[in-house]
Amino acid sequence: MTMTTLEAVRRALISVCGSDAAAAREVLANSLHEMLLAYADAPQSTVPHCDARVLHAPMECEYCDAYPNRQRGRVVNRVEFTGHPTREGWCPCPSDVVRGLAGAHVWRGNVPKSAA
């Protein structure tokens, strides 16, 4: 957290609890508990990158490797992985169609290990 965030939390606690330290601790504990519950219930993203069209081949990207079913789906459906030239009989990567071959790799988070 930044100092600005911590200061905002401190001011909010003072406005709610005044100088009652026990009440402030209770409010803070309840807030943290609610945040943790919300985080635990949050669904995992259905795609590894913010652009759903980006999907790297196995062993190229730690984020895409967490989605092996999507990677298998690309092979089964004969759709190329992001940054790969299109083989005969295969469809090009949807991201590469829109951005050009490896055009998604201008953002650091989209760069595969082989190009890093």
PDB file of N, CA and C in Angstrom:
ATOM      1  N   MET A   1       0.836  -1.184   0.000  1.00  0.00           N
ATOM      2  CA  MET A   1       0.000   0.000   0.000  1.00  0.00           C
ATOM      3  C   MET A   1       0.878   1.244   0.000  1.00  0.00           C
ATOM      4  N   THR A   2       0.404   2.261  -0.649  1.00  0.00           N
ATOM      5  CA  THR A   2       1.136   3.516  -0.654  1.00  0.00           C
ATOM      6  C   THR A   2       0.827   4.282   0.620  1.00  0.00           C
ATOM      7  N   MET A   3       1.656   5.259   0.907  1.00  0.00           N
ATOM      8  CA  MET A   3       1.439   6.073   2.101  1.00  0.00           C
ATOM      9  C   MET A   3       0.094   6.791   2.007  1.00  0.00           C
ATOM     10  N   THR A   4      -0.287   7.207   0.816  1.00  0.00           N
ATOM     11  CA  THR A   4      -1.574   7.875   0.631  1.00  0.00           C
ATOM     12  C   THR A   4      -2.716   6.936   1.014  1.00  0.00           C
ATOM     13  N   THR A   5      -2.632   5.672   0.616  1.00  0.00           N
ATOM     14  CA  THR A   5      -3.661   4.700   0.959  1.00  0.00           C
ATOM     15  C   THR A   5      -3.706   4.475   2.460  1.00  0.00           C
ATOM     16  N   LEU A   6      -2.527   4.317   3.075  1.00  0.00           N
ATOM     17  CA  LEU A   6      -2.481   4.117   4.527  1.00  0.00           C
ATOM     18  C   LEU A   6      -3.050   5.316   5.270  1.00  0.00           C
ATOM     19  N   GLU A   7      -2.739   6.502   4.790  1.00  0.00           N
ATOM     20  CA  GLU A   7      -3.264   7.710   5.431  1.00  0.00           C
ATOM     21  C   GLU A   7      -4.786   7.776   5.285  1.00  0.00           C
ATOM     22  N   ALA A   8      -5.295   7.391   4.133  1.00  0.00           N
ATOM     23  CA  ALA A   8      -6.744   7.387   3.923  1.00  0.00           C
ATOM     24  C   ALA A   8      -7.418   6.386   4.852  1.00  0.00           C
ATOM     25  N   VAL A   9      -6.806   5.218   5.031  1.00  0.00           N
ATOM     26  CA  VAL A   9      -7.355   4.213   5.947  1.00  0.00           C
ATOM     27  C   VAL A   9      -7.347   4.748   7.372  1.00  0.00           C
ATOM     28  N   ARG A  10      -6.222   5.365   7.767  1.00  0.00           N
ATOM     29  CA  ARG A  10      -6.118   5.917   9.123  1.00  0.00           C
ATOM     30  C   ARG A  10      -7.190   6.966   9.361  1.00  0.00           C
ATOM     31  N   ARG A  11      -7.379   7.862   8.424  1.00  0.00           N
ATOM     32  CA  ARG A  11      -8.392   8.920   8.571  1.00  0.00           C
ATOM     33  C   ARG A  11      -9.805   8.340   8.637  1.00  0.00           C
ATOM     34  N   ALA A  12     -10.055   7.322   7.823  1.00  0.00           N
ATOM     35  CA  ALA A  12     -11.374   6.693   7.845  1.00  0.00           C
ATOM     36  C   ALA A  12     -11.635   6.033   9.191  1.00  0.00           C
ATOM     37  N   LEU A  13     -10.638   5.368   9.738  1.00  0.00           N
ATOM     38  CA  LEU A  13     -10.794   4.734  11.053  1.00  0.00           C
ATOM     39  C   LEU A  13     -11.056   5.771  12.139  1.00  0.00           C
ATOM     40  N   ILE A  14     -10.330   6.870  12.086  1.00  0.00           N
ATOM     41  CA  ILE A  14     -10.536   7.930  13.080  1.00  0.00           C
ATOM     42  C   ILE A  14     -11.943   8.507  12.959  1.00  0.00           C
ATOM     43  N   SER A  15     -12.407   8.688  11.726  1.00  0.00           N
ATOM     44  CA  SER A  15     -13.743   9.266  11.553  1.00  0.00           C
ATOM     45  C   SER A  15     -14.837   8.325  12.047  1.00  0.00           C
ATOM     46  N   VAL A  16     -14.617   7.025  11.940  1.00  0.00           N
ATOM     47  CA  VAL A  16     -15.614   6.052  12.382  1.00  0.00           C
ATOM     48  C   VAL A  16     -15.495   5.769  13.866  1.00  0.00           C
ATOM     49  N   CYS A  17     -14.278   5.647  14.350  1.00  0.00           N
ATOM     50  CA  CYS A  17     -14.058   5.160  15.717  1.00  0.00           C
ATOM     51  C   CYS A  17     -13.552   6.210  16.689  1.00  0.00           C
ATOM     52  N   GLY A  18     -13.186   7.373  16.196  1.00  0.00           N
ATOM     53  CA  GLY A  18     -12.621   8.376  17.086  1.00  0.00           C
ATOM     54  C   GLY A  18     -11.315   7.876  17.674  1.00  0.00           C
ATOM     55  N   SER A  19     -11.162   8.031  18.973  1.00  0.00           N
ATOM     56  CA  SER A  19      -9.915   7.606  19.621  1.00  0.00           C
ATOM     57  C   SER A  19     -10.026   6.210  20.227  1.00  0.00           C
ATOM     58  N   ASP A  20     -11.099   5.498  19.949  1.00  0.00           N
ATOM     59  CA  ASP A  20     -11.304   4.160  20.510  1.00  0.00           C
ATOM     60  C   ASP A  20     -10.485   3.142  19.710  1.00  0.00           C
ATOM     61  N   ALA A  21      -9.312   2.795  20.230  1.00  0.00           N
ATOM     62  CA  ALA A  21      -8.400   1.899  19.525  1.00  0.00           C
ATOM     63  C   ALA A  21      -8.997   0.506  19.333  1.00  0.00           C
ATOM     64  N   ALA A  22      -9.734   0.005  20.321  1.00  0.00           N
ATOM     65  CA  ALA A  22     -10.337  -1.328  20.211  1.00  0.00           C
ATOM     66  C   ALA A  22     -11.361  -1.356  19.081  1.00  0.00           C
ATOM     67  N   ALA A  23     -12.168  -0.305  18.977  1.00  0.00           N
ATOM     68  CA  ALA A  23     -13.170  -0.233  17.911  1.00  0.00           C
ATOM     69  C   ALA A  23     -12.487  -0.138  16.547  1.00  0.00           C
ATOM     70  N   ALA A  24     -11.408   0.619  16.482  1.00  0.00           N
ATOM     71  CA  ALA A  24     -10.678   0.759  15.229  1.00  0.00           C
ATOM     72  C   ALA A  24     -10.107  -0.582  14.787  1.00  0.00           C
ATOM     73  N   ARG A  25      -9.543  -1.350  15.718  1.00  0.00           N
ATOM     74  CA  ARG A  25      -9.001  -2.672  15.386  1.00  0.00           C
ATOM     75  C   ARG A  25     -10.106  -3.601  14.886  1.00  0.00           C
ATOM     76  N   GLU A  26     -11.284  -3.522  15.510  1.00  0.00           N
ATOM     77  CA  GLU A  26     -12.403  -4.379  15.094  1.00  0.00           C
ATOM     78  C   GLU A  26     -12.875  -4.026  13.689  1.00  0.00           C
ATOM     79  N   VAL A  27     -13.002  -2.736  13.414  1.00  0.00           N
ATOM     80  CA  VAL A  27     -13.423  -2.292  12.079  1.00  0.00           C
ATOM     81  C   VAL A  27     -12.405  -2.754  11.036  1.00  0.00           C
ATOM     82  N   LEU A  28     -11.125  -2.583  11.341  1.00  0.00           N
ATOM     83  CA  LEU A  28     -10.080  -2.971  10.412  1.00  0.00           C
ATOM     84  C   LEU A  28     -10.075  -4.486  10.185  1.00  0.00           C
ATOM     85  N   ALA A  29     -10.204  -5.252  11.254  1.00  0.00           N
ATOM     86  CA  ALA A  29     -10.224  -6.719  11.139  1.00  0.00           C
ATOM     87  C   ALA A  29     -11.413  -7.182  10.305  1.00  0.00           C
ATOM     88  N   ASN A  30     -12.576  -6.603  10.532  1.00  0.00           N
ATOM     89  CA  ASN A  30     -13.762  -6.974   9.755  1.00  0.00           C
ATOM     90  C   ASN A  30     -13.593  -6.615   8.277  1.00  0.00           C
ATOM     91  N   SER A  31     -13.003  -5.466   8.009  1.00  0.00           N
ATOM     92  CA  SER A  31     -12.789  -5.041   6.622  1.00  0.00           C
ATOM     93  C   SER A  31     -11.818  -5.979   5.911  1.00  0.00           C
ATOM     94  N   LEU A  32     -10.730  -6.327   6.594  1.00  0.00           N
ATOM     95  CA  LEU A  32      -9.758  -7.239   6.000  1.00  0.00           C
ATOM     96  C   LEU A  32     -10.382  -8.610   5.753  1.00  0.00           C
ATOM     97  N   HIS A  33     -11.193  -9.071   6.686  1.00  0.00           N
ATOM     98  CA  HIS A  33     -11.853 -10.368   6.535  1.00  0.00           C
ATOM     99  C   HIS A  33     -12.778 -10.356   5.313  1.00  0.00           C
ATOM    100  N   GLU A  34     -13.534  -9.286   5.151  1.00  0.00           N
ATOM    101  CA  GLU A  34     -14.434  -9.168   3.990  1.00  0.00           C
ATOM    102  C   GLU A  34     -13.645  -9.135   2.687  1.00  0.00           C
ATOM    103  N   MET A  35     -12.512  -8.421   2.685  1.00  0.00           N
ATOM    104  CA  MET A  35     -11.686  -8.358   1.480  1.00  0.00           C
ATOM    105  C   MET A  35     -11.135  -9.736   1.129  1.00  0.00           C
ATOM    106  N   LEU A  36     -10.676 -10.482   2.131  1.00  0.00           N
ATOM    107  CA  LEU A  36     -10.143 -11.816   1.879  1.00  0.00           C
ATOM    108  C   LEU A  36     -11.217 -12.759   1.355  1.00  0.00           C
ATOM    109  N   LEU A  37     -12.421 -12.668   1.909  1.00  0.00           N
ATOM    110  CA  LEU A  37     -13.518 -13.506   1.426  1.00  0.00           C
ATOM    111  C   LEU A  37     -13.853 -13.165  -0.028  1.00  0.00           C
ATOM    112  N   ALA A  38     -13.883 -11.880  -0.348  1.00  0.00           N
ATOM    113  CA  ALA A  38     -14.180 -11.458  -1.718  1.00  0.00           C
ATOM    114  C   ALA A  38     -13.098 -11.963  -2.669  1.00  0.00           C
ATOM    115  N   TYR A  39     -11.843 -11.899  -2.250  1.00  0.00           N
ATOM    116  CA  TYR A  39     -10.742 -12.367  -3.090  1.00  0.00           C
ATOM    117  C   TYR A  39     -10.837 -13.874  -3.319  1.00  0.00           C
ATOM    118  N   ALA A  40     -11.137 -14.614  -2.272  1.00  0.00           N
ATOM    119  CA  ALA A  40     -11.230 -16.066  -2.376  1.00  0.00           C
ATOM    120  C   ALA A  40     -12.360 -16.488  -3.316  1.00  0.00           C
ATOM    121  N   ASP A  41     -13.428 -15.708  -3.369  1.00  0.00           N
ATOM    122  CA  ASP A  41     -14.575 -16.034  -4.211  1.00  0.00           C
ATOM    123  C   ASP A  41     -14.442 -15.526  -5.648  1.00  0.00           C
ATOM    124  N   ALA A  42     -13.425 -14.701  -5.909  1.00  0.00           N
ATOM    125  CA  ALA A  42     -13.267 -14.137  -7.243  1.00  0.00           C
ATOM    126  C   ALA A  42     -12.934 -15.253  -8.232  1.00  0.00           C
ATOM    127  N   PRO A  43     -13.598 -15.282  -9.367  1.00  0.00           N
ATOM    128  CA  PRO A  43     -13.309 -16.341 -10.347  1.00  0.00           C
ATOM    129  C   PRO A  43     -11.958 -16.114 -11.004  1.00  0.00           C
ATOM    130  N   GLN A  44     -11.308 -17.205 -11.374  1.00  0.00           N
ATOM    131  CA  GLN A  44     -10.067 -17.094 -12.129  1.00  0.00           C
ATOM    132  C   GLN A  44     -10.427 -16.560 -13.508  1.00  0.00           C
ATOM    133  N   SER A  45      -9.550 -15.775 -14.062  1.00  0.00           N
ATOM    134  CA  SER A  45      -9.783 -15.259 -15.400  1.00  0.00           C
ATOM    135  C   SER A  45      -9.930 -16.422 -16.377  1.00  0.00           C
ATOM    136  N   THR A  46     -10.746 -16.247 -17.369  1.00  0.00           N
ATOM    137  CA  THR A  46     -10.944 -17.308 -18.364  1.00  0.00           C
ATOM    138  C   THR A  46      -9.885 -17.269 -19.449  1.00  0.00           C
ATOM    139  N   VAL A  47      -9.075 -16.214 -19.468  1.00  0.00           N
ATOM    140  CA  VAL A  47      -8.009 -16.081 -20.463  1.00  0.00           C
ATOM    141  C   VAL A  47      -6.733 -15.595 -19.772  1.00  0.00           C
ATOM    142  N   PRO A  48      -5.557 -15.953 -20.313  1.00  0.00           N
ATOM    143  CA  PRO A  48      -4.311 -15.590 -19.646  1.00  0.00           C
ATOM    144  C   PRO A  48      -3.870 -14.139 -19.833  1.00  0.00           C
ATOM    145  N   HIS A  49      -4.329 -13.478 -20.871  1.00  0.00           N
ATOM    146  CA  HIS A  49      -3.929 -12.095 -21.145  1.00  0.00           C
ATOM    147  C   HIS A  49      -5.178 -11.225 -21.265  1.00  0.00           C
ATOM    148  N   CYS A  50      -4.994  -9.918 -21.144  1.00  0.00           N
ATOM    149  CA  CYS A  50      -6.160  -9.032 -21.226  1.00  0.00           C
ATOM    150  C   CYS A  50      -6.789  -9.067 -22.617  1.00  0.00           C
ATOM    151  N   ASP A  51      -6.019  -9.391 -23.624  1.00  0.00           N
ATOM    152  CA  ASP A  51      -6.556  -9.597 -24.967  1.00  0.00           C
ATOM    153  C   ASP A  51      -6.840 -11.091 -25.104  1.00  0.00           C
ATOM    154  N   ALA A  52      -8.090 -11.451 -25.156  1.00  0.00           N
ATOM    155  CA  ALA A  52      -8.491 -12.863 -25.182  1.00  0.00           C
ATOM    156  C   ALA A  52      -7.989 -13.598 -26.418  1.00  0.00           C
ATOM    157  N   ARG A  53      -7.564 -12.866 -27.444  1.00  0.00           N
ATOM    158  CA  ARG A  53      -7.083 -13.511 -28.675  1.00  0.00           C
ATOM    159  C   ARG A  53      -5.645 -14.005 -28.546  1.00  0.00           C
ATOM    160  N   VAL A  54      -4.914 -13.508 -27.550  1.00  0.00           N
ATOM    161  CA  VAL A  54      -3.511 -13.890 -27.361  1.00  0.00           C
ATOM    162  C   VAL A  54      -3.440 -15.228 -26.638  1.00  0.00           C
ATOM    163  N   LEU A  55      -2.732 -16.183 -27.220  1.00  0.00           N
ATOM    164  CA  LEU A  55      -2.473 -17.474 -26.571  1.00  0.00           C
ATOM    165  C   LEU A  55      -1.162 -18.019 -27.126  1.00  0.00           C
ATOM    166  N   HIS A  56      -0.184 -18.164 -26.231  1.00  0.00           N
ATOM    167  CA  HIS A  56       1.132 -18.654 -26.631  1.00  0.00           C
ATOM    168  C   HIS A  56       1.194 -20.174 -26.561  1.00  0.00           C
ATOM    169  N   ALA A  57       2.117 -20.731 -27.320  1.00  0.00           N
ATOM    170  CA  ALA A  57       2.335 -22.180 -27.347  1.00  0.00           C
ATOM    171  C   ALA A  57       2.850 -22.656 -25.989  1.00  0.00           C
ATOM    172  N   PRO A  58       2.656 -23.934 -25.688  1.00  0.00           N
ATOM    173  CA  PRO A  58       3.170 -24.479 -24.425  1.00  0.00           C
ATOM    174  C   PRO A  58       4.665 -24.197 -24.252  1.00  0.00           C
ATOM    175  N   MET A  59       5.045 -23.889 -23.044  1.00  0.00           N
ATOM    176  CA  MET A  59       6.419 -23.599 -22.628  1.00  0.00           C
ATOM    177  C   MET A  59       6.928 -22.241 -23.115  1.00  0.00           C
ATOM    178  N   GLU A  60       6.082 -21.429 -23.738  1.00  0.00           N
ATOM    179  CA  GLU A  60       6.504 -20.103 -24.189  1.00  0.00           C
ATOM    180  C   GLU A  60       6.128 -19.012 -23.205  1.00  0.00           C
ATOM    181  N   CYS A  61       5.101 -19.240 -22.412  1.00  0.00           N
ATOM    182  CA  CYS A  61       4.572 -18.178 -21.563  1.00  0.00           C
ATOM    183  C   CYS A  61       3.991 -18.786 -20.295  1.00  0.00           C
ATOM    184  N   GLU A  62       4.464 -18.328 -19.134  1.00  0.00           N
ATOM    185  CA  GLU A  62       3.980 -18.899 -17.873  1.00  0.00           C
ATOM    186  C   GLU A  62       2.480 -18.663 -17.672  1.00  0.00           C
ATOM    187  N   TYR A  63       1.973 -17.567 -18.196  1.00  0.00           N
ATOM    188  CA  TYR A  63       0.552 -17.275 -18.038  1.00  0.00           C
ATOM    189  C   TYR A  63      -0.294 -18.214 -18.898  1.00  0.00           C
ATOM    190  N   CYS A  64       0.112 -18.384 -20.144  1.00  0.00           N
ATOM    191  CA  CYS A  64      -0.632 -19.266 -21.046  1.00  0.00           C
ATOM    192  C   CYS A  64      -0.505 -20.725 -20.631  1.00  0.00           C
ATOM    193  N   ASP A  65       0.631 -21.087 -20.041  1.00  0.00           N
ATOM    194  CA  ASP A  65       0.823 -22.476 -19.589  1.00  0.00           C
ATOM    195  C   ASP A  65      -0.156 -22.850 -18.480  1.00  0.00           C
ATOM    196  N   ALA A  66      -0.738 -21.869 -17.827  1.00  0.00           N
ATOM    197  CA  ALA A  66      -1.742 -22.143 -16.792  1.00  0.00           C
ATOM    198  C   ALA A  66      -3.103 -22.494 -17.412  1.00  0.00           C
ATOM    199  N   TYR A  67      -3.195 -22.450 -18.739  1.00  0.00           N
ATOM    200  CA  TYR A  67      -4.438 -22.734 -19.461  1.00  0.00           C
ATOM    201  C   TYR A  67      -4.200 -23.844 -20.492  1.00  0.00           C
ATOM    202  N   PRO A  68      -3.805 -25.033 -20.036  1.00  0.00           N
ATOM    203  CA  PRO A  68      -3.484 -26.100 -20.989  1.00  0.00           C
ATOM    204  C   PRO A  68      -4.667 -26.531 -21.848  1.00  0.00           C
ATOM    205  N   ASN A  69      -5.880 -26.434 -21.337  1.00  0.00           N
ATOM    206  CA  ASN A  69      -7.053 -26.810 -22.147  1.00  0.00           C
ATOM    207  C   ASN A  69      -7.237 -25.858 -23.319  1.00  0.00           C
ATOM    208  N   ARG A  70      -6.982 -24.590 -23.109  1.00  0.00           N
ATOM    209  CA  ARG A  70      -7.082 -23.619 -24.208  1.00  0.00           C
ATOM    210  C   ARG A  70      -5.979 -23.897 -25.240  1.00  0.00           C
ATOM    211  N   GLN A  71      -4.783 -24.239 -24.742  1.00  0.00           N
ATOM    212  CA  GLN A  71      -3.688 -24.555 -25.669  1.00  0.00           C
ATOM    213  C   GLN A  71      -4.006 -25.811 -26.485  1.00  0.00           C
ATOM    214  N   ARG A  72      -4.534 -26.832 -25.823  1.00  0.00           N
ATOM    215  CA  ARG A  72      -4.925 -28.050 -26.553  1.00  0.00           C
ATOM    216  C   ARG A  72      -6.022 -27.738 -27.565  1.00  0.00           C
ATOM    217  N   GLY A  73      -6.953 -26.856 -27.182  1.00  0.00           N
ATOM    218  CA  GLY A  73      -8.035 -26.474 -28.086  1.00  0.00           C
ATOM    219  C   GLY A  73      -7.525 -25.827 -29.361  1.00  0.00           C
ATOM    220  N   ARG A  74      -6.464 -25.025 -29.233  1.00  0.00           N
ATOM    221  CA  ARG A  74      -5.882 -24.403 -30.432  1.00  0.00           C
ATOM    222  C   ARG A  74      -5.337 -25.470 -31.374  1.00  0.00           C
ATOM    223  N   VAL A  75      -4.676 -26.479 -30.821  1.00  0.00           N
ATOM    224  CA  VAL A  75      -4.084 -27.532 -31.655  1.00  0.00           C
ATOM    225  C   VAL A  75      -5.188 -28.370 -32.297  1.00  0.00           C
ATOM    226  N   VAL A  76      -6.159 -28.770 -31.501  1.00  0.00           N
ATOM    227  CA  VAL A  76      -7.263 -29.591 -32.013  1.00  0.00           C
ATOM    228  C   VAL A  76      -8.008 -28.857 -33.132  1.00  0.00           C
ATOM    229  N   ASN A  77      -8.207 -27.563 -32.950  1.00  0.00           N
ATOM    230  CA  ASN A  77      -8.935 -26.774 -33.947  1.00  0.00           C
ATOM    231  C   ASN A  77      -8.037 -26.191 -35.030  1.00  0.00           C
ATOM    232  N   ARG A  78      -6.747 -26.514 -34.951  1.00  0.00           N
ATOM    233  CA  ARG A  78      -5.763 -26.074 -35.938  1.00  0.00           C
ATOM    234  C   ARG A  78      -5.741 -24.555 -36.091  1.00  0.00           C
ATOM    235  N   VAL A  79      -5.612 -23.906 -34.939  1.00  0.00           N
ATOM    236  CA  VAL A  79      -5.470 -22.451 -34.892  1.00  0.00           C
ATOM    237  C   VAL A  79      -4.085 -22.166 -34.325  1.00  0.00           C
ATOM    238  N   GLU A  80      -3.300 -21.381 -35.039  1.00  0.00           N
ATOM    239  CA  GLU A  80      -1.922 -21.098 -34.625  1.00  0.00           C
ATOM    240  C   GLU A  80      -1.874 -20.331 -33.302  1.00  0.00           C
ATOM    241  N   PHE A  81      -0.740 -20.460 -32.634  1.00  0.00           N
ATOM    242  CA  PHE A  81      -0.485 -19.705 -31.418  1.00  0.00           C
ATOM    243  C   PHE A  81       0.027 -18.317 -31.771  1.00  0.00           C
ATOM    244  N   THR A  82      -0.120 -17.392 -30.863  1.00  0.00           N
ATOM    245  CA  THR A  82       0.306 -16.013 -31.085  1.00  0.00           C
ATOM    246  C   THR A  82       1.793 -15.960 -31.420  1.00  0.00           C
ATOM    247  N   GLY A  83       2.110 -15.249 -32.500  1.00  0.00           N
ATOM    248  CA  GLY A  83       3.493 -15.063 -32.908  1.00  0.00           C
ATOM    249  C   GLY A  83       4.054 -16.158 -33.796  1.00  0.00           C
ATOM    250  N   HIS A  84       3.252 -17.161 -34.114  1.00  0.00           N
ATOM    251  CA  HIS A  84       3.716 -18.254 -34.964  1.00  0.00           C
ATOM    252  C   HIS A  84       3.212 -18.049 -36.391  1.00  0.00           C
ATOM    253  N   PRO A  85       4.058 -18.303 -37.374  1.00  0.00           N
ATOM    254  CA  PRO A  85       3.581 -18.207 -38.763  1.00  0.00           C
ATOM    255  C   PRO A  85       2.529 -19.280 -39.022  1.00  0.00           C
ATOM    256  N   THR A  86       1.616 -18.982 -39.902  1.00  0.00           N
ATOM    257  CA  THR A  86       0.510 -19.897 -40.182  1.00  0.00           C
ATOM    258  C   THR A  86       0.967 -21.045 -41.071  1.00  0.00           C
ATOM    259  N   ARG A  87       0.768 -22.267 -40.574  1.00  0.00           N
ATOM    260  CA  ARG A  87       1.096 -23.466 -41.350  1.00  0.00           C
ATOM    261  C   ARG A  87      -0.033 -23.767 -42.332  1.00  0.00           C
ATOM    262  N   GLU A  88       0.281 -24.507 -43.346  1.00  0.00           N
ATOM    263  CA  GLU A  88      -0.723 -24.884 -44.331  1.00  0.00           C
ATOM    264  C   GLU A  88      -1.816 -25.704 -43.655  1.00  0.00           C
ATOM    265  N   GLY A  89      -3.065 -25.351 -43.927  1.00  0.00           N
ATOM    266  CA  GLY A  89      -4.202 -26.062 -43.360  1.00  0.00           C
ATOM    267  C   GLY A  89      -4.599 -25.572 -41.972  1.00  0.00           C
ATOM    268  N   TRP A  90      -3.885 -24.599 -41.447  1.00  0.00           N
ATOM    269  CA  TRP A  90      -4.199 -24.040 -40.128  1.00  0.00           C
ATOM    270  C   TRP A  90      -4.743 -22.628 -40.292  1.00  0.00           C
ATOM    271  N   CYS A  91      -5.501 -22.178 -39.299  1.00  0.00           N
ATOM    272  CA  CYS A  91      -5.980 -20.795 -39.261  1.00  0.00           C
ATOM    273  C   CYS A  91      -4.942 -19.949 -38.524  1.00  0.00           C
ATOM    274  N   PRO A  92      -4.802 -18.704 -38.900  1.00  0.00           N
ATOM    275  CA  PRO A  92      -3.848 -17.851 -38.191  1.00  0.00           C
ATOM    276  C   PRO A  92      -4.360 -17.505 -36.787  1.00  0.00           C
ATOM    277  N   CYS A  93      -3.455 -17.105 -35.939  1.00  0.00           N
ATOM    278  CA  CYS A  93      -3.837 -16.651 -34.601  1.00  0.00           C
ATOM    279  C   CYS A  93      -4.740 -15.425 -34.748  1.00  0.00           C
ATOM    280  N   PRO A  94      -5.862 -15.393 -34.049  1.00  0.00           N
ATOM    281  CA  PRO A  94      -6.767 -14.243 -34.159  1.00  0.00           C
ATOM    282  C   PRO A  94      -6.084 -12.915 -33.803  1.00  0.00           C
ATOM    283  N   SER A  95      -5.193 -12.933 -32.825  1.00  0.00           N
ATOM    284  CA  SER A  95      -4.486 -11.709 -32.461  1.00  0.00           C
ATOM    285  C   SER A  95      -3.563 -11.256 -33.585  1.00  0.00           C
ATOM    286  N   ASP A  96      -2.871 -12.213 -34.200  1.00  0.00           N
ATOM    287  CA  ASP A  96      -1.962 -11.867 -35.290  1.00  0.00           C
ATOM    288  C   ASP A  96      -2.702 -11.357 -36.517  1.00  0.00           C
ATOM    289  N   VAL A  97      -3.932 -11.817 -36.726  1.00  0.00           N
ATOM    290  CA  VAL A  97      -4.740 -11.318 -37.841  1.00  0.00           C
ATOM    291  C   VAL A  97      -5.011  -9.831 -37.654  1.00  0.00           C
ATOM    292  N   VAL A  98      -5.327  -9.448 -36.438  1.00  0.00           N
ATOM    293  CA  VAL A  98      -5.677  -8.057 -36.145  1.00  0.00           C
ATOM    294  C   VAL A  98      -4.431  -7.176 -36.045  1.00  0.00           C
ATOM    295  N   ARG A  99      -3.375  -7.688 -35.400  1.00  0.00           N
ATOM    296  CA  ARG A  99      -2.205  -6.858 -35.091  1.00  0.00           C
ATOM    297  C   ARG A  99      -0.975  -7.143 -35.940  1.00  0.00           C
ATOM    298  N   GLY A 100      -1.033  -8.155 -36.768  1.00  0.00           N
ATOM    299  CA  GLY A 100       0.159  -8.566 -37.496  1.00  0.00           C
ATOM    300  C   GLY A 100       0.920  -9.601 -36.681  1.00  0.00           C
ATOM    301  N   LEU A 101       1.802 -10.334 -37.337  1.00  0.00           N
ATOM    302  CA  LEU A 101       2.547 -11.401 -36.689  1.00  0.00           C
ATOM    303  C   LEU A 101       3.311 -10.854 -35.482  1.00  0.00           C
ATOM    304  N   ALA A 102       2.998 -11.366 -34.314  1.00  0.00           N
ATOM    305  CA  ALA A 102       3.613 -10.975 -33.038  1.00  0.00           C
ATOM    306  C   ALA A 102       3.317  -9.531 -32.653  1.00  0.00           C
ATOM    307  N   GLY A 103       2.302  -8.937 -33.235  1.00  0.00           N
ATOM    308  CA  GLY A 103       1.945  -7.559 -32.887  1.00  0.00           C
ATOM    309  C   GLY A 103       1.510  -7.391 -31.444  1.00  0.00           C
ATOM    310  N   ALA A 104       1.049  -8.474 -30.825  1.00  0.00           N
ATOM    311  CA  ALA A 104       0.638  -8.414 -29.417  1.00  0.00           C
ATOM    312  C   ALA A 104       1.835  -8.284 -28.496  1.00  0.00           C
ATOM    313  N   HIS A 105       3.028  -8.563 -29.003  1.00  0.00           N
ATOM    314  CA  HIS A 105       4.210  -8.594 -28.154  1.00  0.00           C
ATOM    315  C   HIS A 105       4.796  -7.222 -27.856  1.00  0.00           C
ATOM    316  N   VAL A 106       4.115  -6.160 -28.231  1.00  0.00           N
ATOM    317  CA  VAL A 106       4.613  -4.823 -27.884  1.00  0.00           C
ATOM    318  C   VAL A 106       4.404  -4.524 -26.400  1.00  0.00           C
ATOM    319  N   TRP A 107       3.533  -5.265 -25.733  1.00  0.00           N
ATOM    320  CA  TRP A 107       3.315  -5.108 -24.303  1.00  0.00           C
ATOM    321  C   TRP A 107       4.138  -6.148 -23.582  1.00  0.00           C
ATOM    322  N   ARG A 108       4.914  -5.762 -22.597  1.00  0.00           N
ATOM    323  CA  ARG A 108       5.843  -6.656 -21.890  1.00  0.00           C
ATOM    324  C   ARG A 108       5.156  -7.918 -21.368  1.00  0.00           C
ATOM    325  N   GLY A 109       3.941  -7.795 -20.842  1.00  0.00           N
ATOM    326  CA  GLY A 109       3.251  -8.935 -20.297  1.00  0.00           C
ATOM    327  C   GLY A 109       2.833  -9.966 -21.319  1.00  0.00           C
ATOM    328  N   ASN A 110       2.843  -9.593 -22.593  1.00  0.00           N
ATOM    329  CA  ASN A 110       2.459 -10.515 -23.667  1.00  0.00           C
ATOM    330  C   ASN A 110       3.647 -11.171 -24.351  1.00  0.00           C
ATOM    331  N   VAL A 111       4.858 -10.840 -23.929  1.00  0.00           N
ATOM    332  CA  VAL A 111       6.043 -11.361 -24.611  1.00  0.00           C
ATOM    333  C   VAL A 111       6.351 -12.773 -24.123  1.00  0.00           C
ATOM    334  N   PRO A 112       6.469 -13.750 -25.046  1.00  0.00           N
ATOM    335  CA  PRO A 112       6.802 -15.105 -24.629  1.00  0.00           C
ATOM    336  C   PRO A 112       8.255 -15.195 -24.165  1.00  0.00           C
ATOM    337  N   LYS A 113       8.569 -16.266 -23.432  1.00  0.00           N
ATOM    338  CA  LYS A 113       9.928 -16.469 -22.899  1.00  0.00           C
ATOM    339  C   LYS A 113      10.975 -16.435 -24.001  1.00  0.00           C
ATOM    340  N   SER A 114      10.659 -17.008 -25.150  1.00  0.00           N
ATOM    341  CA  SER A 114      11.630 -17.104 -26.248  1.00  0.00           C
ATOM    342  C   SER A 114      12.028 -15.742 -26.802  1.00  0.00           C
ATOM    343  N   ALA A 115      11.166 -14.730 -26.630  1.00  0.00           N
ATOM    344  CA  ALA A 115      11.455 -13.404 -27.173  1.00  0.00           C
ATOM    345  C   ALA A 115      11.901 -12.415 -26.095  1.00  0.00           C
ATOM    346  N   ALA A 116      11.845 -12.839 -24.831  1.00  0.00           N
ATOM    347  CA  ALA A 116      12.180 -11.919 -23.727  1.00  0.00           C
ATOM    348  C   ALA A 116      13.653 -11.638 -23.647  1.00  0.00           C
TER     349      ALA A 116
END
